[in-house]
Amino acid sequence: MSTTATGTAPGALQVRGTTRPARERRGGAAAAEERAAYVFLAPWLVGLLFTVIPFGVSLWLAFTDYNLLQSPNWIGTENFSRLAEDPKVATSTRVTLVYTFVSVPVSLVSALAVAMLLNKGVRGLKFYRSVFYLPSLIGTSVAIVMLWRSIFGHDGIVNRFLGFFGIAGPGWVTDPDWALLTLVTLSVWSFGASMVIFLAGLRQIPVMYYEAASVDGAGWWRQLRSITLPLLSPVIFFNLVLGLIGSLQTFTQGFVFSGGSGGPAESTLFYNLYLYQQGFQRFDMGYASALAWVMFVVIAFFTALNFLVSKYWVFYDD
C-alpha cells in the first residue's frame, strides 16, 4: 500500500502499521492473564462444586423421610411442621441464644481490654501477645473441653481454690444453673484471635488524634468514646460477625461436656448438638436436614442484620 493511495503521510502510515500488532500483543496478554486467573480459581471452583451439591441434596432431604436405611420418601413440609412443635428445638434454641448473647459480648470486651493494655508499649509485648493468643490456637478441642470439665469438677481446681476461703463451690458440671456458664467461661478464655486483631487495629490509629484530644482536655473515657471505638468500629464489626457465626454453630463444647446428651437437664443442649442427635444417633436425616436449614437461615438472618445495622455505627476512612 502506497502513501499516495491512502492519502496519508509516510509517518502516519508507519504509526498505523505498528498499532495493530501492539493491540494484538495486549489482547494476547489479557487472554493469558484470564487463563492464569482460571487456573488459580480452579481449586476454589472445584471446592464450590463439592459445597453446592451437598447443599442442594440436604435441601431436598429436608422435605423427605430418610433414615439412611431406606430410600427417601417425599413428605413435603412435614419436617418443618414437626420442628415447630418439637419442645427440644425450643430448648436447644434458647440454650444456643443465651450462650451466644453472653459469650460473644464478654469475649469482645475482654479481647479489646487486653489489646488496649498491650498497646500501651508493655515491655515483652511479643511474649504477652503469644501467651494470650495461645488458648485460641488450642481452641475448644476435645482435650481442652475435657480439661475444663476436670477443672470445674466437684473436686476440681476451682472448687479447691474457693475452699481456701471457706466457700463451698457449686457443682459447675452437674448443676443445670452453672453448666452453661462454665462453657461461657471456656469461650471467653479463648479470645486470643480477636485480641490480636484488635491490637492490629489499635496500632493503625494515628497517635496525633490522642495528642490533640489531650491538649483539648479530653480524658481517657472521652478518648475511648470519641476516638478509639469509632476508628476501631470496622474491626469490632468483623470480630462481632465472626463471633456470632461461630457461637451459633457451637457443638464440640456441649457434646464433650455432656457426653453427647446435652445435660444436665438439657442445660447444654445446643441446637447443633440436637441436630447431631437426630441425624447421627437416631438416623433421622430428613428431620436433621430441616434443622440444618433452619440454622442456616437463622445465621444468615443475624449476619444480614449486622450488615444492615452496621451503617449506623461502623465508620470507615471515607
Protein backbone atom coordinates (compact mmCIF):
# COMPACT_ATOMS: atom_id res chain seq x y z
CA MET A 1 0.00 0.00 0.00
CA SER A 2 1.44 3.36 -1.01
CA THR A 3 1.08 6.66 0.73
CA THR A 4 -0.47 8.21 -2.37
CA ALA A 5 -3.22 5.59 -2.39
CA THR A 6 -4.20 6.19 1.15
CA GLY A 7 -3.66 9.90 1.12
CA THR A 8 -1.68 9.81 4.36
CA ALA A 9 1.83 10.82 5.19
CA PRO A 10 4.51 8.13 5.47
CA GLY A 11 4.88 8.80 9.21
CA ALA A 12 1.19 8.26 9.83
CA LEU A 13 1.30 5.04 7.82
CA GLN A 14 4.13 3.78 9.99
CA VAL A 15 2.19 4.52 13.18
CA ARG A 16 -0.88 2.73 11.85
CA GLY A 17 1.27 -0.18 10.85
CA THR A 18 2.68 -0.66 14.36
CA THR A 19 -0.60 -0.08 16.22
CA ARG A 20 -2.30 -3.31 15.20
CA PRO A 21 0.49 -5.66 16.42
CA ALA A 22 0.57 -3.73 19.72
CA ARG A 23 -3.15 -4.30 20.16
CA GLU A 24 -2.70 -7.97 19.35
CA ARG A 25 0.06 -8.23 21.95
CA ARG A 26 -2.14 -6.56 24.57
CA GLY A 27 -5.03 -8.85 23.65
CA GLY A 28 -2.78 -11.90 23.92
CA ALA A 29 -1.50 -10.76 27.33
CA ALA A 30 -5.07 -10.22 28.57
CA ALA A 31 -6.07 -13.69 27.37
CA ALA A 32 -3.04 -15.21 29.10
CA GLU A 33 -3.93 -13.41 32.33
CA GLU A 34 -7.50 -14.64 32.06
CA ARG A 35 -6.34 -18.22 31.60
CA ALA A 36 -4.00 -17.86 34.58
CA ALA A 37 -6.84 -16.50 36.67
CA TYR A 38 -9.00 -19.53 35.88
CA VAL A 39 -6.09 -21.84 36.73
CA PHE A 40 -5.74 -20.22 40.17
CA LEU A 41 -9.53 -20.22 40.63
CA ALA A 42 -9.85 -23.87 39.68
CA PRO A 43 -9.35 -25.28 43.23
CA TRP A 44 -11.99 -22.88 44.56
CA LEU A 45 -14.40 -23.72 41.73
CA VAL A 46 -13.96 -27.45 42.38
CA GLY A 47 -14.49 -26.85 46.11
CA LEU A 48 -17.59 -24.81 45.33
CA LEU A 49 -18.94 -27.77 43.38
CA PHE A 50 -18.44 -30.03 46.40
CA THR A 51 -20.31 -27.46 48.51
CA VAL A 52 -23.24 -26.61 46.25
CA ILE A 53 -24.17 -30.24 45.55
CA PRO A 54 -24.45 -31.25 49.26
CA PHE A 55 -26.40 -28.03 49.87
CA GLY A 56 -28.90 -29.00 47.21
CA VAL A 57 -29.14 -32.60 48.42
CA SER A 58 -29.68 -31.54 52.04
CA LEU A 59 -32.40 -29.10 50.95
CA TRP A 60 -34.16 -31.92 49.11
CA LEU A 61 -33.76 -34.29 52.08
CA ALA A 62 -35.36 -31.67 54.35
CA PHE A 63 -38.65 -32.44 52.57
CA THR A 64 -38.30 -36.21 52.86
CA ASP A 65 -38.46 -39.01 55.41
CA TYR A 66 -34.98 -40.54 55.27
CA ASN A 67 -33.23 -42.73 57.84
CA LEU A 68 -30.15 -43.95 55.86
CA LEU A 69 -31.63 -47.47 55.62
CA GLN A 70 -34.48 -46.76 53.24
CA SER A 71 -34.88 -44.60 50.17
CA PRO A 72 -36.00 -41.02 50.84
CA ASN A 73 -39.77 -40.62 50.88
CA TRP A 74 -41.16 -37.19 49.94
CA ILE A 75 -43.34 -35.79 52.75
CA GLY A 76 -43.42 -32.10 51.86
CA THR A 77 -43.18 -29.62 54.74
CA GLU A 78 -43.95 -32.19 57.42
CA ASN A 79 -40.42 -31.97 58.87
CA PHE A 80 -40.74 -28.21 59.30
CA SER A 81 -44.17 -28.57 60.91
CA ARG A 82 -42.73 -31.13 63.30
CA LEU A 83 -39.83 -28.81 64.02
CA ALA A 84 -42.19 -26.02 65.07
CA GLU A 85 -43.89 -28.35 67.56
CA ASP A 86 -40.74 -30.03 68.94
CA PRO A 87 -40.10 -28.78 72.52
CA LYS A 88 -36.42 -29.74 72.30
CA VAL A 89 -35.99 -27.37 69.36
CA ALA A 90 -37.20 -24.53 71.55
CA THR A 91 -34.91 -25.66 74.40
CA SER A 92 -31.83 -26.01 72.21
CA THR A 93 -32.53 -22.66 70.54
CA ARG A 94 -32.80 -20.96 73.91
CA VAL A 95 -29.55 -22.53 75.14
CA THR A 96 -27.72 -21.52 71.95
CA LEU A 97 -29.01 -17.93 72.00
CA VAL A 98 -28.20 -17.46 75.70
CA TYR A 99 -24.72 -18.83 75.12
CA THR A 100 -24.21 -16.60 72.08
CA PHE A 101 -25.51 -13.33 73.52
CA VAL A 102 -23.49 -13.80 76.71
CA SER A 103 -20.22 -15.22 75.43
CA VAL A 104 -19.77 -13.02 72.35
CA PRO A 105 -20.03 -9.60 74.09
CA VAL A 106 -17.92 -10.75 77.06
CA SER A 107 -15.29 -12.18 74.72
CA LEU A 108 -15.16 -8.99 72.64
CA VAL A 109 -14.88 -6.74 75.71
CA SER A 110 -12.18 -8.95 77.23
CA ALA A 111 -10.22 -9.09 73.97
CA LEU A 112 -10.44 -5.32 73.50
CA ALA A 113 -9.41 -4.62 77.09
CA VAL A 114 -6.33 -6.84 76.85
CA ALA A 115 -5.44 -5.40 73.44
CA MET A 116 -5.59 -1.86 74.83
CA LEU A 117 -3.32 -2.85 77.72
CA LEU A 118 -0.81 -4.43 75.35
CA ASN A 119 -0.99 -1.37 73.10
CA LYS A 120 0.48 0.81 75.85
CA GLY A 121 4.02 -0.24 74.97
CA VAL A 122 4.38 -3.02 77.54
CA ARG A 123 7.85 -4.49 77.80
CA GLY A 124 7.89 -8.03 76.41
CA LEU A 125 4.90 -7.37 74.18
CA LYS A 126 5.63 -10.32 71.89
CA PHE A 127 5.69 -12.69 74.86
CA TYR A 128 2.38 -11.46 76.29
CA ARG A 129 0.79 -11.46 72.86
CA SER A 130 1.82 -15.08 72.36
CA VAL A 131 0.58 -16.06 75.83
CA PHE A 132 -2.86 -14.56 75.25
CA TYR A 133 -3.05 -15.92 71.71
CA LEU A 134 -2.09 -19.48 72.68
CA PRO A 135 -5.55 -20.50 74.01
CA SER A 136 -7.16 -19.60 70.69
CA LEU A 137 -4.73 -21.93 68.90
CA ILE A 138 -5.78 -24.75 71.18
CA GLY A 139 -9.38 -23.58 70.81
CA THR A 140 -12.27 -25.66 72.08
CA SER A 141 -10.86 -29.03 71.13
CA VAL A 142 -11.98 -32.25 72.77
CA ALA A 143 -8.94 -32.34 75.06
CA ILE A 144 -9.47 -28.76 76.24
CA VAL A 145 -13.17 -29.31 76.97
CA MET A 146 -12.30 -32.44 78.96
CA LEU A 147 -9.66 -30.47 80.83
CA TRP A 148 -12.19 -27.73 81.51
CA ARG A 149 -14.64 -30.31 82.80
CA SER A 150 -11.97 -31.61 85.17
CA ILE A 151 -11.01 -28.13 86.38
CA PHE A 152 -14.62 -27.27 87.18
CA GLY A 153 -15.45 -30.71 88.57
CA HIS A 154 -16.65 -31.23 92.13
CA ASP A 155 -13.08 -31.79 93.34
CA GLY A 156 -11.51 -29.63 90.64
CA ILE A 157 -9.06 -26.76 90.96
CA VAL A 158 -11.77 -24.09 91.04
CA ASN A 159 -13.64 -25.58 93.99
CA ARG A 160 -10.39 -26.29 95.82
CA PHE A 161 -9.38 -22.66 95.39
CA LEU A 162 -12.75 -21.48 96.68
CA GLY A 163 -12.38 -23.88 99.61
CA PHE A 164 -9.34 -21.95 100.85
CA PHE A 165 -11.70 -19.04 101.51
CA GLY A 166 -14.35 -21.20 103.13
CA ILE A 167 -16.61 -21.08 100.06
CA ALA A 168 -18.37 -24.26 99.01
CA GLY A 169 -18.23 -24.22 95.25
CA PRO A 170 -21.31 -25.34 93.30
CA GLY A 171 -21.44 -28.31 91.00
CA TRP A 172 -20.23 -26.47 87.93
CA VAL A 173 -20.58 -29.55 85.74
CA THR A 174 -23.60 -31.25 87.31
CA ASP A 175 -25.74 -28.24 88.23
CA PRO A 176 -28.01 -27.01 85.36
CA ASP A 177 -27.73 -23.46 86.69
CA TRP A 178 -23.93 -23.40 86.26
CA ALA A 179 -23.12 -25.82 83.43
CA LEU A 180 -23.78 -23.35 80.62
CA LEU A 181 -21.89 -20.59 82.42
CA THR A 182 -18.89 -22.92 82.64
CA LEU A 183 -18.92 -23.27 78.85
CA VAL A 184 -19.23 -19.48 78.51
CA THR A 185 -16.01 -19.07 80.51
CA LEU A 186 -14.34 -21.57 78.17
CA SER A 187 -15.40 -19.46 75.19
CA VAL A 188 -14.13 -16.25 76.82
CA TRP A 189 -10.85 -17.96 77.72
CA SER A 190 -10.01 -18.44 74.04
CA PHE A 191 -10.35 -14.80 72.92
CA GLY A 192 -6.75 -14.61 71.65
CA ALA A 193 -7.56 -14.38 67.95
CA SER A 194 -9.90 -11.41 68.46
CA MET A 195 -7.34 -9.79 70.75
CA VAL A 196 -4.61 -9.94 68.09
CA ILE A 197 -6.97 -8.40 65.51
CA PHE A 198 -7.95 -5.66 67.96
CA LEU A 199 -4.28 -4.97 68.68
CA ALA A 200 -3.54 -4.63 64.96
CA GLY A 201 -6.46 -2.22 64.61
CA LEU A 202 -5.34 -0.11 67.58
CA ARG A 203 -1.88 0.23 66.08
CA GLN A 204 -3.40 1.73 62.94
CA ILE A 205 -4.99 4.66 64.82
CA PRO A 206 -2.76 7.76 64.44
CA VAL A 207 -1.28 8.95 67.74
CA MET A 208 -1.90 12.58 66.77
CA TYR A 209 -5.61 12.15 67.44
CA TYR A 210 -4.93 11.26 71.07
CA GLU A 211 -2.39 14.06 71.40
CA ALA A 212 -4.87 16.62 70.06
CA ALA A 213 -7.56 15.28 72.37
CA SER A 214 -5.23 15.52 75.38
CA VAL A 215 -4.43 19.13 74.52
CA ASP A 216 -8.17 19.85 74.44
CA GLY A 217 -8.53 18.31 77.88
CA ALA A 218 -10.21 15.03 76.89
CA GLY A 219 -9.73 12.27 79.44
CA TRP A 220 -9.30 8.54 78.92
CA TRP A 221 -13.01 7.79 78.76
CA ARG A 222 -13.71 10.59 76.26
CA GLN A 223 -10.81 9.46 74.07
CA LEU A 224 -12.13 5.90 74.16
CA ARG A 225 -15.64 7.02 73.23
CA SER A 226 -14.72 9.61 70.60
CA ILE A 227 -11.54 8.23 69.04
CA THR A 228 -10.79 4.58 69.81
CA LEU A 229 -14.21 2.99 69.38
CA PRO A 230 -15.26 4.92 66.24
CA LEU A 231 -11.96 4.30 64.45
CA LEU A 232 -11.90 0.71 65.64
CA SER A 233 -15.53 0.03 64.68
CA PRO A 234 -14.69 -1.89 61.44
CA VAL A 235 -12.53 -4.28 63.47
CA ILE A 236 -15.24 -4.61 66.12
CA PHE A 237 -17.76 -5.36 63.40
CA PHE A 238 -15.51 -8.02 61.88
CA ASN A 239 -14.95 -9.78 65.21
CA LEU A 240 -18.64 -9.48 66.08
CA VAL A 241 -19.82 -11.17 62.89
CA LEU A 242 -17.30 -14.00 63.18
CA GLY A 243 -18.09 -14.44 66.86
CA LEU A 244 -21.84 -14.67 66.26
CA ILE A 245 -21.46 -17.18 63.45
CA GLY A 246 -19.08 -19.34 65.48
CA SER A 247 -21.21 -19.26 68.64
CA LEU A 248 -24.42 -20.13 66.82
CA GLN A 249 -22.64 -23.19 65.41
CA THR A 250 -21.35 -24.39 68.79
CA PHE A 251 -21.20 -28.17 69.02
CA THR A 252 -17.96 -29.60 70.42
CA GLN A 253 -18.23 -27.95 73.82
CA GLY A 254 -21.73 -29.25 74.52
CA PHE A 255 -21.05 -32.70 73.07
CA VAL A 256 -17.87 -33.39 75.08
CA PHE A 257 -19.02 -31.59 78.21
CA SER A 258 -22.26 -33.60 78.46
CA GLY A 259 -21.15 -36.80 76.76
CA GLY A 260 -23.48 -36.09 73.86
CA SER A 261 -26.64 -35.88 75.98
CA GLY A 262 -26.89 -32.10 76.37
CA GLY A 263 -27.17 -32.47 80.15
CA PRO A 264 -27.50 -31.84 82.92
CA ALA A 265 -31.24 -31.30 82.42
CA GLU A 266 -30.65 -30.18 78.80
CA SER A 267 -28.78 -27.09 80.04
CA THR A 268 -26.03 -27.62 77.42
CA LEU A 269 -28.25 -28.95 74.64
CA PHE A 270 -27.04 -26.68 71.85
CA TYR A 271 -29.01 -26.54 68.62
CA ASN A 272 -26.16 -28.15 66.68
CA LEU A 273 -25.94 -30.92 69.28
CA TYR A 274 -29.66 -31.66 68.94
CA LEU A 275 -29.21 -31.71 65.16
CA TYR A 276 -26.42 -34.26 65.62
CA GLN A 277 -28.61 -36.40 67.87
CA GLN A 278 -31.35 -36.51 65.27
CA GLY A 279 -29.06 -37.19 62.33
CA PHE A 280 -26.34 -39.48 63.69
CA GLN A 281 -27.91 -41.10 66.75
CA ARG A 282 -31.49 -41.58 65.56
CA PHE A 283 -30.57 -41.54 61.85
CA ASP A 284 -33.49 -39.25 61.05
CA MET A 285 -31.63 -37.48 58.26
CA GLY A 286 -34.68 -35.79 56.79
CA TYR A 287 -35.52 -34.08 60.07
CA ALA A 288 -31.84 -33.28 60.70
CA SER A 289 -31.63 -31.63 57.27
CA ALA A 290 -34.65 -29.48 58.12
CA LEU A 291 -32.96 -28.49 61.38
CA ALA A 292 -29.78 -27.64 59.49
CA TRP A 293 -31.58 -25.39 57.03
CA VAL A 294 -33.37 -23.54 59.81
CA MET A 295 -29.99 -22.96 61.45
CA PHE A 296 -28.62 -21.72 58.12
CA VAL A 297 -31.48 -19.24 57.77
CA VAL A 298 -31.05 -18.01 61.36
CA ILE A 299 -27.30 -17.46 60.92
CA ALA A 300 -27.90 -15.70 57.59
CA PHE A 301 -30.53 -13.50 59.28
CA PHE A 302 -28.22 -12.40 62.09
CA THR A 303 -25.37 -11.80 59.65
CA ALA A 304 -27.56 -9.73 57.33
CA LEU A 305 -28.96 -7.82 60.31
CA ASN A 306 -25.43 -6.94 61.40
CA PHE A 307 -24.59 -5.63 57.95
CA LEU A 308 -27.78 -3.58 57.80
CA VAL A 309 -27.26 -2.04 61.23
CA SER A 310 -23.52 -1.50 60.67
CA LYS A 311 -24.11 1.66 58.66
CA TYR A 312 -25.25 3.37 61.87
CA TRP A 313 -22.19 2.60 63.98
CA VAL A 314 -19.33 1.40 61.75
CA PHE A 315 -17.17 4.22 60.39
CA TYR A 316 -14.63 3.91 57.59
CA ASP A 317 -11.96 6.33 56.40
CA ASP A 318 -14.13 7.58 53.54
